[in-house]
Structure formats: structure tokens, C-alpha cells
PDB file of N, CA and C in Angstrom:
ATOM      1  N   MET A   1     -13.759  -1.644  15.698  1.00  0.00           N
ATOM      2  CA  MET A   1     -12.907  -1.725  14.535  1.00  0.00           C
ATOM      3  C   MET A   1     -11.453  -1.537  14.966  1.00  0.00           C
ATOM      4  N   LYS A   2     -10.559  -2.334  14.413  1.00  0.00           N
ATOM      5  CA  LYS A   2      -9.139  -2.265  14.740  1.00  0.00           C
ATOM      6  C   LYS A   2      -8.503  -1.049  14.057  1.00  0.00           C
ATOM      7  N   LYS A   3      -7.702  -0.302  14.790  1.00  0.00           N
ATOM      8  CA  LYS A   3      -7.015   0.871  14.255  1.00  0.00           C
ATOM      9  C   LYS A   3      -5.625   0.448  13.785  1.00  0.00           C
ATOM     10  N   VAL A   4      -5.244   0.879  12.594  1.00  0.00           N
ATOM     11  CA  VAL A   4      -3.957   0.526  12.009  1.00  0.00           C
ATOM     12  C   VAL A   4      -2.903   1.523  12.467  1.00  0.00           C
ATOM     13  N   GLU A   5      -1.751   1.018  12.919  1.00  0.00           N
ATOM     14  CA  GLU A   5      -0.650   1.888  13.326  1.00  0.00           C
ATOM     15  C   GLU A   5       0.013   2.466  12.078  1.00  0.00           C
ATOM     16  N   ILE A   6       0.205   3.779  12.056  1.00  0.00           N
ATOM     17  CA  ILE A   6       0.841   4.445  10.924  1.00  0.00           C
ATOM     18  C   ILE A   6       2.178   4.996  11.388  1.00  0.00           C
ATOM     19  N   ARG A   7       3.229   4.686  10.627  1.00  0.00           N
ATOM     20  CA  ARG A   7       4.568   5.192  10.932  1.00  0.00           C
ATOM     21  C   ARG A   7       5.041   6.070   9.786  1.00  0.00           C
ATOM     22  N   GLU A   8       5.607   7.226  10.121  1.00  0.00           N
ATOM     23  CA  GLU A   8       6.160   8.104   9.102  1.00  0.00           C
ATOM     24  C   GLU A   8       7.656   7.867   9.005  1.00  0.00           C
ATOM     25  N   ALA A   9       8.167   7.840   7.774  1.00  0.00           N
ATOM     26  CA  ALA A   9       9.598   7.631   7.552  1.00  0.00           C
ATOM     27  C   ALA A   9      10.007   8.318   6.259  1.00  0.00           C
ATOM     28  N   ASN A  10      11.270   8.626   6.140  1.00  0.00           N
ATOM     29  CA  ASN A  10      11.803   9.244   4.929  1.00  0.00           C
ATOM     30  C   ASN A  10      12.453   8.228   4.010  1.00  0.00           C
ATOM     31  N   GLU A  11      12.745   7.060   4.516  1.00  0.00           N
ATOM     32  CA  GLU A  11      13.440   6.053   3.721  1.00  0.00           C
ATOM     33  C   GLU A  11      13.006   4.666   4.174  1.00  0.00           C
ATOM     34  N   ILE A  12      12.945   3.750   3.233  1.00  0.00           N
ATOM     35  CA  ILE A  12      12.600   2.365   3.553  1.00  0.00           C
ATOM     36  C   ILE A  12      13.450   1.449   2.693  1.00  0.00           C
ATOM     37  N   THR A  13      13.931   0.353   3.283  1.00  0.00           N
ATOM     38  CA  THR A  13      14.712  -0.641   2.566  1.00  0.00           C
ATOM     39  C   THR A  13      13.965  -1.961   2.659  1.00  0.00           C
ATOM     40  N   VAL A  14      13.746  -2.602   1.505  1.00  0.00           N
ATOM     41  CA  VAL A  14      12.996  -3.856   1.476  1.00  0.00           C
ATOM     42  C   VAL A  14      13.813  -4.895   0.719  1.00  0.00           C
ATOM     43  N   LYS A  15      13.897  -6.099   1.275  1.00  0.00           N
ATOM     44  CA  LYS A  15      14.610  -7.198   0.630  1.00  0.00           C
ATOM     45  C   LYS A  15      13.612  -8.242   0.152  1.00  0.00           C
ATOM     46  N   ASN A  16      14.026  -9.078  -0.772  1.00  0.00           N
ATOM     47  CA  ASN A  16      13.207 -10.179  -1.289  1.00  0.00           C
ATOM     48  C   ASN A  16      11.904  -9.692  -1.924  1.00  0.00           C
ATOM     49  N   ILE A  17      11.996  -8.683  -2.772  1.00  0.00           N
ATOM     50  CA  ILE A  17      10.816  -8.142  -3.444  1.00  0.00           C
ATOM     51  C   ILE A  17      10.397  -9.069  -4.581  1.00  0.00           C
ATOM     52  N   GLN A  18       9.146  -9.463  -4.589  1.00  0.00           N
ATOM     53  CA  GLN A  18       8.617 -10.288  -5.685  1.00  0.00           C
ATOM     54  C   GLN A  18       8.156  -9.401  -6.830  1.00  0.00           C
ATOM     55  N   ALA A  19       7.556  -8.267  -6.506  1.00  0.00           N
ATOM     56  CA  ALA A  19       7.052  -7.341  -7.519  1.00  0.00           C
ATOM     57  C   ALA A  19       6.785  -6.008  -6.850  1.00  0.00           C
ATOM     58  N   TYR A  20       6.657  -4.978  -7.672  1.00  0.00           N
ATOM     59  CA  TYR A  20       6.198  -3.695  -7.146  1.00  0.00           C
ATOM     60  C   TYR A  20       5.407  -2.995  -8.234  1.00  0.00           C
ATOM     61  N   MET A  21       4.512  -2.121  -7.823  1.00  0.00           N
ATOM     62  CA  MET A  21       3.668  -1.410  -8.772  1.00  0.00           C
ATOM     63  C   MET A  21       3.259  -0.081  -8.166  1.00  0.00           C
ATOM     64  N   GLU A  22       2.871   0.858  -9.006  1.00  0.00           N
ATOM     65  CA  GLU A  22       2.369   2.139  -8.526  1.00  0.00           C
ATOM     66  C   GLU A  22       0.907   2.241  -8.936  1.00  0.00           C
ATOM     67  N   LYS A  23       0.039   2.445  -7.969  1.00  0.00           N
ATOM     68  CA  LYS A  23      -1.400   2.507  -8.204  1.00  0.00           C
ATOM     69  C   LYS A  23      -1.976   3.733  -7.518  1.00  0.00           C
ATOM     70  N   THR A  24      -3.210   4.073  -7.856  1.00  0.00           N
ATOM     71  CA  THR A  24      -3.921   5.168  -7.228  1.00  0.00           C
ATOM     72  C   THR A  24      -5.008   4.598  -6.323  1.00  0.00           C
ATOM     73  N   VAL A  25      -5.150   5.168  -5.144  1.00  0.00           N
ATOM     74  CA  VAL A  25      -6.193   4.753  -4.212  1.00  0.00           C
ATOM     75  C   VAL A  25      -7.528   5.271  -4.750  1.00  0.00           C
ATOM     76  N   THR A  26      -8.549   4.396  -4.767  1.00  0.00           N
ATOM     77  CA  THR A  26      -9.863   4.772  -5.279  1.00  0.00           C
ATOM     78  C   THR A  26     -10.933   4.566  -4.205  1.00  0.00           C
ATOM     79  N   ARG A  27     -12.079   5.237  -4.393  1.00  0.00           N
ATOM     80  CA  ARG A  27     -13.201   5.103  -3.456  1.00  0.00           C
ATOM     81  C   ARG A  27     -13.755   3.678  -3.499  1.00  0.00           C
ATOM     82  N   PHE A  28     -14.211   3.203  -2.331  1.00  0.00           N
ATOM     83  CA  PHE A  28     -14.857   1.905  -2.239  1.00  0.00           C
ATOM     84  C   PHE A  28     -15.833   1.977  -1.073  1.00  0.00           C
ATOM     85  N   GLY A  29     -17.098   2.226  -1.367  1.00  0.00           N
ATOM     86  CA  GLY A  29     -18.099   2.392  -0.309  1.00  0.00           C
ATOM     87  C   GLY A  29     -17.744   3.591   0.550  1.00  0.00           C
ATOM     88  N   SER A  30     -17.618   3.375   1.872  1.00  0.00           N
ATOM     89  CA  SER A  30     -17.254   4.467   2.770  1.00  0.00           C
ATOM     90  C   SER A  30     -15.759   4.470   3.067  1.00  0.00           C
ATOM     91  N   GLY A  31     -14.989   3.677   2.303  1.00  0.00           N
ATOM     92  CA  GLY A  31     -13.551   3.599   2.513  1.00  0.00           C
ATOM     93  C   GLY A  31     -12.797   3.800   1.220  1.00  0.00           C
ATOM     94  N   ALA A  32     -11.660   3.125   1.105  1.00  0.00           N
ATOM     95  CA  ALA A  32     -10.829   3.240  -0.083  1.00  0.00           C
ATOM     96  C   ALA A  32     -10.141   1.899  -0.331  1.00  0.00           C
ATOM     97  N   LYS A  33      -9.606   1.737  -1.554  1.00  0.00           N
ATOM     98  CA  LYS A  33      -8.930   0.486  -1.904  1.00  0.00           C
ATOM     99  C   LYS A  33      -7.837   0.763  -2.920  1.00  0.00           C
ATOM    100  N   VAL A  34      -6.918  -0.196  -3.033  1.00  0.00           N
ATOM    101  CA  VAL A  34      -5.897  -0.178  -4.068  1.00  0.00           C
ATOM    102  C   VAL A  34      -5.998  -1.520  -4.783  1.00  0.00           C
ATOM    103  N   ASP A  35      -6.233  -1.493  -6.087  1.00  0.00           N
ATOM    104  CA  ASP A  35      -6.343  -2.735  -6.858  1.00  0.00           C
ATOM    105  C   ASP A  35      -4.966  -3.337  -7.095  1.00  0.00           C
ATOM    106  N   CYS A  36      -4.920  -4.668  -7.108  1.00  0.00           N
ATOM    107  CA  CYS A  36      -3.699  -5.378  -7.491  1.00  0.00           C
ATOM    108  C   CYS A  36      -4.108  -6.723  -8.104  1.00  0.00           C
ATOM    109  N   PRO A  37      -3.212  -7.355  -8.856  1.00  0.00           N
ATOM    110  CA  PRO A  37      -3.538  -8.626  -9.501  1.00  0.00           C
ATOM    111  C   PRO A  37      -3.890  -9.712  -8.484  1.00  0.00           C
ATOM    112  N   LYS A  38      -4.826 -10.589  -8.857  1.00  0.00           N
ATOM    113  CA  LYS A  38      -5.258 -11.633  -7.919  1.00  0.00           C
ATOM    114  C   LYS A  38      -4.187 -12.671  -7.641  1.00  0.00           C
ATOM    115  N   GLU A  39      -3.099 -12.677  -8.390  1.00  0.00           N
ATOM    116  CA  GLU A  39      -1.997 -13.600  -8.097  1.00  0.00           C
ATOM    117  C   GLU A  39      -1.379 -13.319  -6.725  1.00  0.00           C
ATOM    118  N   PHE A  40      -1.671 -12.124  -6.168  1.00  0.00           N
ATOM    119  CA  PHE A  40      -1.126 -11.756  -4.862  1.00  0.00           C
ATOM    120  C   PHE A  40      -2.116 -11.984  -3.724  1.00  0.00           C
ATOM    121  N   LEU A  41      -3.268 -12.602  -3.993  1.00  0.00           N
ATOM    122  CA  LEU A  41      -4.228 -12.930  -2.929  1.00  0.00           C
ATOM    123  C   LEU A  41      -3.540 -13.763  -1.854  1.00  0.00           C
ATOM    124  N   GLY A  42      -3.737 -13.392  -0.615  1.00  0.00           N
ATOM    125  CA  GLY A  42      -3.154 -14.130   0.498  1.00  0.00           C
ATOM    126  C   GLY A  42      -1.716 -13.742   0.813  1.00  0.00           C
ATOM    127  N   LYS A  43      -1.105 -12.880   0.014  1.00  0.00           N
ATOM    128  CA  LYS A  43       0.270 -12.450   0.256  1.00  0.00           C
ATOM    129  C   LYS A  43       0.274 -11.293   1.239  1.00  0.00           C
ATOM    130  N   LYS A  44       1.345 -11.140   1.997  1.00  0.00           N
ATOM    131  CA  LYS A  44       1.516  -9.997   2.877  1.00  0.00           C
ATOM    132  C   LYS A  44       2.093  -8.861   2.048  1.00  0.00           C
ATOM    133  N   VAL A  45       1.501  -7.688   2.160  1.00  0.00           N
ATOM    134  CA  VAL A  45       1.949  -6.531   1.369  1.00  0.00           C
ATOM    135  C   VAL A  45       2.162  -5.333   2.292  1.00  0.00           C
ATOM    136  N   PHE A  46       2.931  -4.384   1.808  1.00  0.00           N
ATOM    137  CA  PHE A  46       3.132  -3.117   2.498  1.00  0.00           C
ATOM    138  C   PHE A  46       2.619  -2.013   1.589  1.00  0.00           C
ATOM    139  N   LEU A  47       1.865  -1.105   2.146  1.00  0.00           N
ATOM    140  CA  LEU A  47       1.352   0.021   1.390  1.00  0.00           C
ATOM    141  C   LEU A  47       2.120   1.258   1.832  1.00  0.00           C
ATOM    142  N   ILE A  48       2.771   1.917   0.881  1.00  0.00           N
ATOM    143  CA  ILE A  48       3.564   3.107   1.171  1.00  0.00           C
ATOM    144  C   ILE A  48       2.830   4.304   0.572  1.00  0.00           C
ATOM    145  N   ILE A  49       2.534   5.292   1.394  1.00  0.00           N
ATOM    146  CA  ILE A  49       1.839   6.490   0.941  1.00  0.00           C
ATOM    147  C   ILE A  49       2.885   7.567   0.653  1.00  0.00           C
ATOM    148  N   LYS A  50       2.935   8.031  -0.599  1.00  0.00           N
ATOM    149  CA  LYS A  50       3.893   9.055  -0.987  1.00  0.00           C
ATOM    150  C   LYS A  50       3.357  10.436  -0.636  1.00  0.00           C
ATOM    151  N   LYS A  51       4.259  11.343  -0.224  1.00  0.00           N
ATOM    152  CA  LYS A  51       3.860  12.728  -0.004  1.00  0.00           C
ATOM    153  C   LYS A  51       3.570  13.366  -1.343  1.00  0.00           C
ATOM    154  N   ASP A  52       2.641  14.330  -1.348  1.00  0.00           N
ATOM    155  CA  ASP A  52       2.340  15.050  -2.586  1.00  0.00           C
ATOM    156  C   ASP A  52       3.578  15.782  -3.056  1.00  0.00           C
ATOM    157  N   GLU A  53       3.871  15.659  -4.351  1.00  0.00           N
ATOM    158  CA  GLU A  53       5.007  16.356  -4.921  1.00  0.00           C
ATOM    159  C   GLU A  53       4.583  17.780  -5.221  1.00  0.00           C
ATOM    160  N   GLU A  54       5.388  18.730  -4.815  1.00  0.00           N
ATOM    161  CA  GLU A  54       5.029  20.143  -5.015  1.00  0.00           C
ATOM    162  C   GLU A  54       5.798  20.734  -6.150  1.00  0.00           C
TER     163      GLU A  54
END
């Protein structure tokens, strides 16, 4: 299985945004998933994990 590289950062700048949404990660078998509209099938996306707010 391919391992995904994870980078930690405090700030990110993104240009040419088509859309953005806030979702919750849910269980899916032995893994997890984030739902999004099927209009984005085949699109390249970035998943940003927010730190827990205290």
C-alpha cells in the first residue's frame, strides 16, 4: 500500500479555487472518508486537517 506524505503547516495560500466546503471525516470500512458532491469526480483536491480547537 502506498503511504501518503503528510506535511504540517500553519498557513496555506490557494489560488483558482472553484469551491470549498467544511465536512466531517466519517468511518468507511477499516478506513475513513469525506463526502463531497459528485460534480467533483475526477478533480484534484486537497484535504486540510484542522487542529482541534481548545
